Amino acid sequence: MKHNRKSIRLKGYNYAQAGLYFITLCTHNRVHLFGQIINGEMVLNAGGRVAAKCWQDIPAHFPTAALHEYVVMPNHIHGIIELQSPSVGVQNFEPQQMGTENKFQHIIPQSIGSIVRGFKIGVTKWFRYENGFAQNAQIWQRNYYEHIIRNDAAYHRIANYILNNPAKWKDDRFY
């Protein structure tokens, strides 16, 4: 069966280039996996703390990524990721595997897509292997929302939206 999925990405845009990106990732079926909002404040549960830790660890895995404002909500995550120009001499390669089962060195693109994929994998592994979810349990909605931040006004509007998101939870259509 051939899928005719239309890409939601900006055609021809290089999502590995330096810039600021507003990202939203939603849980599968908008299930509340990360905690709850109490009196306008997000209270993370164990899954929410893992999601926050995985988010904070992004720069350790992707050296060209810097994190700005973010929030873990009950069923989604908003964040701003800045991709910086790589330093001279930095190579984006995974360490070569020593065993015979993996004979090739894999290139890891330093793109928004690879960052989101790595983040989702980290959180999913915790839910499946350390939190008792089924091995095939869907944690994330397919794909993610992104918006390229093009100027200071947009950055400040989005940053305020992220920071005020818990207080406006009752107005959220997925509340």
N, C-alpha and C. Protein backbone atom coordinates (compact mmCIF):
# COMPACT_ATOMS: atom_id res chain seq x y z
N MET A 1 0.85 -1.18 0.00
CA MET A 1 0.00 0.00 0.00
C MET A 1 0.89 1.24 0.00
N LYS A 2 0.70 2.10 -0.93
CA LYS A 2 1.50 3.32 -1.04
C LYS A 2 0.80 4.45 -0.28
N HIS A 3 1.56 5.12 0.57
CA HIS A 3 1.01 6.25 1.32
C HIS A 3 1.26 7.54 0.55
N ASN A 4 0.25 8.34 0.44
CA ASN A 4 0.38 9.64 -0.23
C ASN A 4 0.36 10.74 0.83
N ARG A 5 1.38 10.74 1.67
CA ARG A 5 1.45 11.73 2.73
C ARG A 5 2.08 13.00 2.20
N LYS A 6 1.45 14.09 2.50
CA LYS A 6 1.99 15.39 2.11
C LYS A 6 2.90 15.89 3.22
N SER A 7 4.08 16.31 2.86
CA SER A 7 5.01 16.83 3.85
C SER A 7 4.52 18.16 4.38
N ILE A 8 4.69 18.36 5.69
CA ILE A 8 4.32 19.64 6.30
C ILE A 8 5.54 20.55 6.43
N ARG A 9 6.67 20.11 5.94
CA ARG A 9 7.89 20.90 5.99
C ARG A 9 7.94 21.89 4.82
N LEU A 10 8.68 22.96 5.02
CA LEU A 10 8.85 23.98 3.99
C LEU A 10 9.70 23.40 2.86
N LYS A 11 9.13 23.31 1.70
CA LYS A 11 9.80 22.68 0.56
C LYS A 11 11.11 23.40 0.24
N GLY A 12 12.17 22.61 0.12
CA GLY A 12 13.47 23.15 -0.24
C GLY A 12 14.25 23.76 0.91
N TYR A 13 13.69 23.80 2.10
CA TYR A 13 14.37 24.41 3.24
C TYR A 13 15.31 23.39 3.88
N ASN A 14 16.50 23.83 4.24
CA ASN A 14 17.49 22.97 4.88
C ASN A 14 17.30 23.07 6.40
N TYR A 15 16.70 22.05 6.99
CA TYR A 15 16.42 22.05 8.43
C TYR A 15 17.66 21.72 9.27
N ALA A 16 18.82 21.69 8.65
CA ALA A 16 20.08 21.55 9.38
C ALA A 16 20.82 22.88 9.44
N GLN A 17 20.27 23.90 8.80
CA GLN A 17 20.97 25.19 8.79
C GLN A 17 20.72 25.95 10.09
N ALA A 18 21.63 26.84 10.40
CA ALA A 18 21.54 27.63 11.62
C ALA A 18 20.24 28.42 11.63
N GLY A 19 19.64 28.50 12.81
CA GLY A 19 18.40 29.25 12.97
C GLY A 19 17.67 28.81 14.22
N LEU A 20 16.54 29.45 14.45
CA LEU A 20 15.68 29.15 15.60
C LEU A 20 14.42 28.44 15.11
N TYR A 21 14.05 27.37 15.82
CA TYR A 21 12.91 26.55 15.43
C TYR A 21 12.00 26.33 16.63
N PHE A 22 10.72 26.58 16.45
CA PHE A 22 9.71 26.30 17.46
C PHE A 22 9.14 24.93 17.16
N ILE A 23 9.24 24.03 18.13
CA ILE A 23 8.85 22.64 17.95
C ILE A 23 7.71 22.30 18.91
N THR A 24 6.73 21.53 18.42
CA THR A 24 5.69 20.96 19.27
C THR A 24 5.58 19.48 18.96
N LEU A 25 5.65 18.67 20.00
CA LEU A 25 5.50 17.22 19.88
C LEU A 25 4.32 16.81 20.74
N CYS A 26 3.42 16.02 20.19
CA CYS A 26 2.22 15.58 20.92
C CYS A 26 2.26 14.08 21.17
N THR A 27 1.70 13.68 22.29
CA THR A 27 1.59 12.25 22.58
C THR A 27 0.53 11.63 21.68
N HIS A 28 0.65 10.32 21.50
CA HIS A 28 -0.31 9.57 20.70
C HIS A 28 -1.70 9.69 21.32
N ASN A 29 -2.66 10.07 20.50
CA ASN A 29 -4.05 10.28 20.94
C ASN A 29 -4.19 11.30 22.06
N ARG A 30 -3.20 12.18 22.20
CA ARG A 30 -3.19 13.26 23.21
C ARG A 30 -3.36 12.73 24.65
N VAL A 31 -2.85 11.51 24.89
CA VAL A 31 -2.93 10.92 26.22
C VAL A 31 -2.02 11.69 27.17
N HIS A 32 -2.48 11.92 28.38
CA HIS A 32 -1.71 12.67 29.38
C HIS A 32 -0.68 11.74 30.01
N LEU A 33 0.54 11.79 29.50
CA LEU A 33 1.62 10.91 29.97
C LEU A 33 2.63 11.60 30.88
N PHE A 34 2.62 12.93 30.92
CA PHE A 34 3.72 13.65 31.54
C PHE A 34 3.38 14.36 32.85
N GLY A 35 2.15 14.29 33.30
CA GLY A 35 1.78 14.94 34.55
C GLY A 35 0.47 15.68 34.41
N GLN A 36 0.28 16.68 35.25
CA GLN A 36 -0.98 17.43 35.24
C GLN A 36 -0.74 18.89 35.59
N ILE A 37 -1.70 19.69 35.23
CA ILE A 37 -1.67 21.12 35.56
C ILE A 37 -2.48 21.30 36.85
N ILE A 38 -1.84 21.90 37.85
CA ILE A 38 -2.52 22.21 39.10
C ILE A 38 -2.32 23.69 39.38
N ASN A 39 -3.44 24.41 39.49
CA ASN A 39 -3.41 25.86 39.74
C ASN A 39 -2.52 26.60 38.74
N GLY A 40 -2.62 26.22 37.47
CA GLY A 40 -1.88 26.90 36.42
C GLY A 40 -0.41 26.55 36.34
N GLU A 41 0.04 25.55 37.10
CA GLU A 41 1.44 25.13 37.10
C GLU A 41 1.53 23.67 36.65
N MET A 42 2.52 23.36 35.84
CA MET A 42 2.73 21.99 35.40
C MET A 42 3.44 21.21 36.50
N VAL A 43 2.84 20.09 36.89
CA VAL A 43 3.43 19.18 37.88
C VAL A 43 3.80 17.91 37.13
N LEU A 44 5.10 17.71 36.96
CA LEU A 44 5.59 16.56 36.19
C LEU A 44 5.49 15.28 37.00
N ASN A 45 5.08 14.21 36.35
CA ASN A 45 5.16 12.89 36.95
C ASN A 45 6.50 12.28 36.51
N ALA A 46 6.72 10.99 36.74
CA ALA A 46 8.00 10.37 36.38
C ALA A 46 8.24 10.47 34.87
N GLY A 47 7.21 10.23 34.06
CA GLY A 47 7.36 10.34 32.61
C GLY A 47 7.68 11.76 32.18
N GLY A 48 7.07 12.74 32.82
CA GLY A 48 7.35 14.14 32.52
C GLY A 48 8.76 14.53 32.89
N ARG A 49 9.25 13.99 34.01
CA ARG A 49 10.64 14.27 34.41
C ARG A 49 11.63 13.65 33.42
N VAL A 50 11.31 12.47 32.92
CA VAL A 50 12.17 11.84 31.91
C VAL A 50 12.14 12.67 30.63
N ALA A 51 10.95 13.10 30.20
CA ALA A 51 10.84 13.92 28.99
C ALA A 51 11.65 15.21 29.14
N ALA A 52 11.53 15.87 30.30
CA ALA A 52 12.29 17.11 30.54
C ALA A 52 13.79 16.84 30.52
N LYS A 53 14.22 15.74 31.13
CA LYS A 53 15.66 15.39 31.15
C LYS A 53 16.15 15.10 29.74
N CYS A 54 15.38 14.34 28.96
CA CYS A 54 15.77 14.05 27.58
C CYS A 54 15.87 15.33 26.77
N TRP A 55 14.94 16.25 27.00
CA TRP A 55 14.97 17.54 26.28
C TRP A 55 16.24 18.30 26.67
N GLN A 56 16.50 18.38 27.95
CA GLN A 56 17.69 19.11 28.42
C GLN A 56 18.99 18.47 27.94
N ASP A 57 18.97 17.19 27.65
CA ASP A 57 20.17 16.47 27.18
C ASP A 57 20.42 16.62 25.68
N ILE A 58 19.52 17.26 24.96
CA ILE A 58 19.68 17.39 23.50
C ILE A 58 21.06 17.94 23.13
N PRO A 59 21.55 19.02 23.74
CA PRO A 59 22.87 19.54 23.33
C PRO A 59 24.02 18.56 23.55
N ALA A 60 23.88 17.63 24.49
CA ALA A 60 24.93 16.64 24.70
C ALA A 60 25.04 15.67 23.53
N HIS A 61 23.93 15.45 22.85
CA HIS A 61 23.90 14.53 21.71
C HIS A 61 24.05 15.26 20.37
N PHE A 62 23.67 16.52 20.36
CA PHE A 62 23.71 17.34 19.14
C PHE A 62 24.43 18.64 19.47
N PRO A 63 25.75 18.68 19.31
CA PRO A 63 26.55 19.82 19.76
C PRO A 63 26.20 21.16 19.10
N THR A 64 25.54 21.14 17.95
CA THR A 64 25.18 22.41 17.32
C THR A 64 23.84 22.94 17.81
N ALA A 65 23.17 22.19 18.71
CA ALA A 65 21.86 22.59 19.21
C ALA A 65 21.98 23.31 20.55
N ALA A 66 21.27 24.41 20.67
CA ALA A 66 21.15 25.13 21.94
C ALA A 66 19.66 25.24 22.25
N LEU A 67 19.31 25.05 23.51
CA LEU A 67 17.91 25.09 23.91
C LEU A 67 17.55 26.46 24.45
N HIS A 68 16.36 26.88 24.11
CA HIS A 68 15.79 28.11 24.66
C HIS A 68 14.57 27.70 25.49
N GLU A 69 13.54 28.50 25.52
CA GLU A 69 12.38 28.19 26.33
C GLU A 69 11.76 26.86 25.90
N TYR A 70 11.24 26.14 26.89
CA TYR A 70 10.49 24.91 26.61
C TYR A 70 9.54 24.65 27.77
N VAL A 71 8.55 23.82 27.52
CA VAL A 71 7.64 23.39 28.58
C VAL A 71 7.14 21.99 28.25
N VAL A 72 7.13 21.16 29.27
CA VAL A 72 6.51 19.84 29.16
C VAL A 72 5.10 19.99 29.71
N MET A 73 4.12 19.68 28.89
CA MET A 73 2.71 19.76 29.27
C MET A 73 2.19 18.33 29.46
N PRO A 74 0.96 18.16 29.95
CA PRO A 74 0.46 16.79 30.17
C PRO A 74 0.52 15.89 28.93
N ASN A 75 0.26 16.46 27.75
CA ASN A 75 0.19 15.62 26.55
C ASN A 75 0.98 16.18 25.36
N HIS A 76 1.81 17.15 25.60
CA HIS A 76 2.64 17.68 24.52
C HIS A 76 3.83 18.45 25.10
N ILE A 77 4.76 18.76 24.21
CA ILE A 77 5.96 19.51 24.59
C ILE A 77 6.15 20.62 23.57
N HIS A 78 6.41 21.83 24.07
CA HIS A 78 6.77 22.96 23.22
C HIS A 78 8.21 23.33 23.55
N GLY A 79 8.97 23.70 22.54
CA GLY A 79 10.32 24.16 22.81
C GLY A 79 10.90 24.91 21.63
N ILE A 80 11.87 25.75 21.93
CA ILE A 80 12.63 26.45 20.90
C ILE A 80 14.03 25.86 20.89
N ILE A 81 14.44 25.40 19.72
CA ILE A 81 15.78 24.86 19.52
C ILE A 81 16.51 25.79 18.56
N GLU A 82 17.71 26.16 18.94
CA GLU A 82 18.55 26.95 18.05
C GLU A 82 19.63 26.05 17.49
N LEU A 83 19.73 26.00 16.17
CA LEU A 83 20.84 25.31 15.53
C LEU A 83 21.90 26.35 15.23
N GLN A 84 23.09 26.11 15.72
CA GLN A 84 24.21 27.01 15.52
C GLN A 84 25.11 26.45 14.43
N SER A 85 25.86 27.29 13.80
CA SER A 85 26.81 26.84 12.79
C SER A 85 27.84 25.95 13.47
N PRO A 86 28.16 24.81 12.87
CA PRO A 86 29.14 23.92 13.49
C PRO A 86 30.52 24.57 13.54
N SER A 87 31.27 24.25 14.57
CA SER A 87 32.64 24.76 14.70
C SER A 87 33.51 24.12 13.63
N VAL A 88 34.56 24.80 13.28
CA VAL A 88 35.49 24.27 12.30
C VAL A 88 36.08 22.97 12.86
N GLY A 89 36.08 21.93 12.04
CA GLY A 89 36.65 20.67 12.45
C GLY A 89 35.68 19.71 13.12
N VAL A 90 34.48 20.16 13.45
CA VAL A 90 33.52 19.26 14.07
C VAL A 90 32.94 18.37 12.99
N GLN A 91 32.95 17.07 13.26
CA GLN A 91 32.37 16.12 12.32
C GLN A 91 31.13 15.51 12.95
N ASN A 92 30.11 15.29 12.15
CA ASN A 92 28.85 14.76 12.63
C ASN A 92 28.76 13.28 12.33
N PHE A 93 29.64 12.50 12.95
CA PHE A 93 29.65 11.07 12.73
C PHE A 93 29.40 10.34 14.04
N GLU A 94 28.69 9.23 13.92
CA GLU A 94 28.51 8.34 15.06
C GLU A 94 29.79 7.54 15.21
N PRO A 95 30.22 7.22 16.42
CA PRO A 95 31.42 6.40 16.57
C PRO A 95 31.24 5.06 15.85
N GLN A 96 32.30 4.61 15.22
CA GLN A 96 32.23 3.37 14.47
C GLN A 96 32.05 2.20 15.44
N GLN A 97 31.15 1.28 15.08
CA GLN A 97 30.89 0.10 15.89
C GLN A 97 32.05 -0.88 15.72
N MET A 98 32.45 -1.53 16.79
CA MET A 98 33.59 -2.43 16.75
C MET A 98 33.20 -3.84 16.29
N GLY A 99 31.95 -4.23 16.49
CA GLY A 99 31.50 -5.58 16.14
C GLY A 99 31.32 -5.76 14.64
N THR A 100 31.22 -7.01 14.23
CA THR A 100 31.05 -7.29 12.81
C THR A 100 29.62 -7.07 12.34
N GLU A 101 28.69 -6.96 13.30
CA GLU A 101 27.28 -6.78 12.91
C GLU A 101 27.01 -5.42 12.29
N ASN A 102 27.88 -4.45 12.52
CA ASN A 102 27.69 -3.12 11.95
C ASN A 102 29.01 -2.69 11.31
N LYS A 103 29.10 -2.86 10.01
CA LYS A 103 30.35 -2.61 9.30
C LYS A 103 30.50 -1.18 8.80
N PHE A 104 29.44 -0.39 8.94
CA PHE A 104 29.45 0.93 8.33
C PHE A 104 29.39 2.02 9.39
N GLN A 105 30.06 3.11 9.11
CA GLN A 105 29.97 4.29 9.96
C GLN A 105 28.79 5.11 9.44
N HIS A 106 27.88 5.51 10.33
CA HIS A 106 26.66 6.21 9.91
C HIS A 106 26.79 7.70 10.15
N ILE A 107 26.38 8.47 9.18
CA ILE A 107 26.34 9.92 9.33
C ILE A 107 25.09 10.28 10.11
N ILE A 108 25.23 11.11 11.11
CA ILE A 108 24.07 11.62 11.85
C ILE A 108 23.87 13.06 11.44
N PRO A 109 22.84 13.34 10.69
CA PRO A 109 22.62 14.74 10.32
C PRO A 109 22.24 15.57 11.55
N GLN A 110 22.80 16.73 11.65
CA GLN A 110 22.50 17.64 12.75
C GLN A 110 21.31 18.51 12.35
N SER A 111 20.18 17.87 12.14
CA SER A 111 18.99 18.59 11.68
C SER A 111 17.91 18.54 12.75
N ILE A 112 16.91 19.39 12.58
CA ILE A 112 15.77 19.38 13.50
C ILE A 112 15.11 18.00 13.49
N GLY A 113 14.97 17.40 12.33
CA GLY A 113 14.35 16.08 12.24
C GLY A 113 15.11 15.03 13.03
N SER A 114 16.44 15.03 12.94
CA SER A 114 17.23 14.04 13.68
C SER A 114 17.19 14.32 15.18
N ILE A 115 17.13 15.58 15.57
CA ILE A 115 17.02 15.93 16.99
C ILE A 115 15.69 15.44 17.55
N VAL A 116 14.60 15.72 16.85
CA VAL A 116 13.27 15.28 17.29
C VAL A 116 13.22 13.76 17.37
N ARG A 117 13.75 13.10 16.36
CA ARG A 117 13.75 11.63 16.34
C ARG A 117 14.52 11.09 17.55
N GLY A 118 15.69 11.63 17.82
CA GLY A 118 16.48 11.18 18.97
C GLY A 118 15.76 11.41 20.29
N PHE A 119 15.14 12.56 20.43
CA PHE A 119 14.38 12.87 21.65
C PHE A 119 13.24 11.89 21.83
N LYS A 120 12.46 11.67 20.78
CA LYS A 120 11.33 10.75 20.87
C LYS A 120 11.79 9.34 21.22
N ILE A 121 12.90 8.91 20.65
CA ILE A 121 13.42 7.57 20.94
C ILE A 121 13.78 7.45 22.43
N GLY A 122 14.45 8.46 22.97
CA GLY A 122 14.84 8.42 24.38
C GLY A 122 13.65 8.31 25.31
N VAL A 123 12.62 9.10 25.08
CA VAL A 123 11.42 9.07 25.93
C VAL A 123 10.67 7.75 25.73
N THR A 124 10.55 7.31 24.49
CA THR A 124 9.85 6.06 24.19
C THR A 124 10.52 4.88 24.88
N LYS A 125 11.85 4.83 24.83
CA LYS A 125 12.57 3.72 25.48
C LYS A 125 12.25 3.67 26.97
N TRP A 126 12.20 4.82 27.62
CA TRP A 126 11.89 4.82 29.04
C TRP A 126 10.48 4.27 29.27
N PHE A 127 9.51 4.73 28.52
CA PHE A 127 8.14 4.25 28.71
C PHE A 127 8.04 2.75 28.45
N ARG A 128 8.70 2.26 27.43
CA ARG A 128 8.58 0.84 27.06
C ARG A 128 9.40 -0.09 27.94
N TYR A 129 10.60 0.33 28.33
CA TYR A 129 11.50 -0.59 29.01
C TYR A 129 11.63 -0.35 30.51
N GLU A 130 11.28 0.83 30.98
CA GLU A 130 11.44 1.10 32.40
C GLU A 130 10.13 1.45 33.09
N ASN A 131 9.06 1.62 32.33
CA ASN A 131 7.80 2.03 32.92
C ASN A 131 6.68 1.03 32.65
N GLY A 132 7.01 -0.11 32.09
CA GLY A 132 6.02 -1.16 31.94
C GLY A 132 5.06 -1.04 30.78
N PHE A 133 5.27 -0.10 29.88
CA PHE A 133 4.41 -0.02 28.70
C PHE A 133 4.73 -1.19 27.78
N ALA A 134 3.79 -1.58 26.96
CA ALA A 134 4.02 -2.65 25.99
C ALA A 134 5.16 -2.26 25.05
N GLN A 135 5.89 -3.25 24.57
CA GLN A 135 7.03 -3.00 23.69
C GLN A 135 6.65 -2.28 22.40
N ASN A 136 5.40 -2.43 21.98
CA ASN A 136 4.96 -1.76 20.75
C ASN A 136 4.03 -0.58 21.03
N ALA A 137 3.97 -0.13 22.27
CA ALA A 137 3.09 0.97 22.64
C ALA A 137 3.46 2.25 21.88
N GLN A 138 2.46 2.91 21.37
CA GLN A 138 2.67 4.20 20.70
C GLN A 138 2.71 5.28 21.77
N ILE A 139 3.80 6.00 21.82
CA ILE A 139 3.96 7.09 22.79
C ILE A 139 3.69 8.43 22.11
N TRP A 140 4.15 8.57 20.88
CA TRP A 140 4.10 9.86 20.19
C TRP A 140 3.15 9.85 19.00
N GLN A 141 2.56 10.99 18.77
CA GLN A 141 1.84 11.23 17.52
C GLN A 141 2.86 11.22 16.40
N ARG A 142 2.46 10.71 15.25
CA ARG A 142 3.36 10.71 14.10
C ARG A 142 3.73 12.16 13.76
N ASN A 143 4.98 12.37 13.42
CA ASN A 143 5.47 13.66 12.99
C ASN A 143 5.53 14.66 14.14
N TYR A 144 5.65 15.92 13.84
CA TYR A 144 5.73 16.98 14.83
C TYR A 144 5.47 18.30 14.09
N TYR A 145 5.14 19.33 14.87
CA TYR A 145 4.93 20.66 14.31
C TYR A 145 6.23 21.44 14.47
N GLU A 146 6.59 22.17 13.46
CA GLU A 146 7.73 23.08 13.58
C GLU A 146 7.39 24.40 12.89
N HIS A 147 8.03 25.43 13.38
CA HIS A 147 7.88 26.76 12.80
C HIS A 147 9.26 27.41 12.83
N ILE A 148 9.70 27.93 11.71
CA ILE A 148 10.99 28.61 11.63
C ILE A 148 10.79 30.02 12.18
N ILE A 149 11.54 30.38 13.20
CA ILE A 149 11.43 31.70 13.81
C ILE A 149 12.33 32.64 13.03
N ARG A 150 11.75 33.67 12.45
CA ARG A 150 12.49 34.51 11.51
C ARG A 150 12.90 35.89 12.03
N ASN A 151 12.34 36.31 13.19
CA ASN A 151 12.72 37.63 13.70
C ASN A 151 12.50 37.70 15.21
N ASP A 152 12.98 38.78 15.82
CA ASP A 152 12.89 38.95 17.27
C ASP A 152 11.45 39.00 17.76
N ALA A 153 10.58 39.68 17.03
CA ALA A 153 9.18 39.78 17.46
C ALA A 153 8.53 38.40 17.53
N ALA A 154 8.78 37.58 16.52
CA ALA A 154 8.23 36.22 16.51
C ALA A 154 8.83 35.40 17.66
N TYR A 155 10.12 35.56 17.88
CA TYR A 155 10.77 34.83 18.98
C TYR A 155 10.10 35.17 20.32
N HIS A 156 9.92 36.44 20.60
CA HIS A 156 9.35 36.86 21.88
C HIS A 156 7.89 36.41 22.02
N ARG A 157 7.13 36.47 20.94
CA ARG A 157 5.74 36.01 20.97
C ARG A 157 5.69 34.51 21.29
N ILE A 158 6.52 33.72 20.63
CA ILE A 158 6.54 32.27 20.83
C ILE A 158 7.08 31.92 22.21
N ALA A 159 8.14 32.59 22.65
CA ALA A 159 8.70 32.33 23.98
C ALA A 159 7.66 32.60 25.06
N ASN A 160 6.92 33.69 24.94
CA ASN A 160 5.86 34.00 25.90
C ASN A 160 4.75 32.96 25.86
N TYR A 161 4.40 32.51 24.66
CA TYR A 161 3.39 31.47 24.51
C TYR A 161 3.83 30.20 25.26
N ILE A 162 5.07 29.81 25.09
CA ILE A 162 5.60 28.61 25.76
C ILE A 162 5.55 28.79 27.28
N LEU A 163 6.08 29.90 27.77
CA LEU A 163 6.16 30.12 29.21
C LEU A 163 4.78 30.23 29.87
N ASN A 164 3.80 30.75 29.13
CA ASN A 164 2.45 30.93 29.69
C ASN A 164 1.53 29.75 29.40
N ASN A 165 2.02 28.74 28.72
CA ASN A 165 1.18 27.62 28.32
C ASN A 165 0.50 26.91 29.49
N PRO A 166 1.20 26.60 30.59
CA PRO A 166 0.51 25.94 31.70
C PRO A 166 -0.65 26.76 32.29
N ALA A 167 -0.47 28.06 32.38
CA ALA A 167 -1.52 28.92 32.95
C ALA A 167 -2.75 28.98 32.05
N LYS A 168 -2.59 28.69 30.77
CA LYS A 168 -3.71 28.75 29.82
C LYS A 168 -4.23 27.37 29.47
N TRP A 169 -3.86 26.36 30.25
CA TRP A 169 -4.22 24.98 29.95
C TRP A 169 -5.72 24.79 29.78
N LYS A 170 -6.53 25.41 30.61
CA LYS A 170 -7.98 25.21 30.52
C LYS A 170 -8.56 25.74 29.22
N ASP A 171 -7.83 26.63 28.55
CA ASP A 171 -8.27 27.14 27.25
C ASP A 171 -7.82 26.25 26.10
N ASP A 172 -6.98 25.25 26.40
CA ASP A 172 -6.44 24.36 25.37
C ASP A 172 -7.55 23.44 24.86
N ARG A 173 -7.64 23.29 23.56
CA ARG A 173 -8.72 22.47 22.99
C ARG A 173 -8.54 20.98 23.29
N PHE A 174 -7.36 20.57 23.74
CA PHE A 174 -7.13 19.16 24.08
C PHE A 174 -7.08 18.93 25.58
N TYR A 175 -7.53 19.90 26.36
CA TYR A 175 -7.52 19.82 27.82
C TYR A 175 -8.36 18.67 28.31
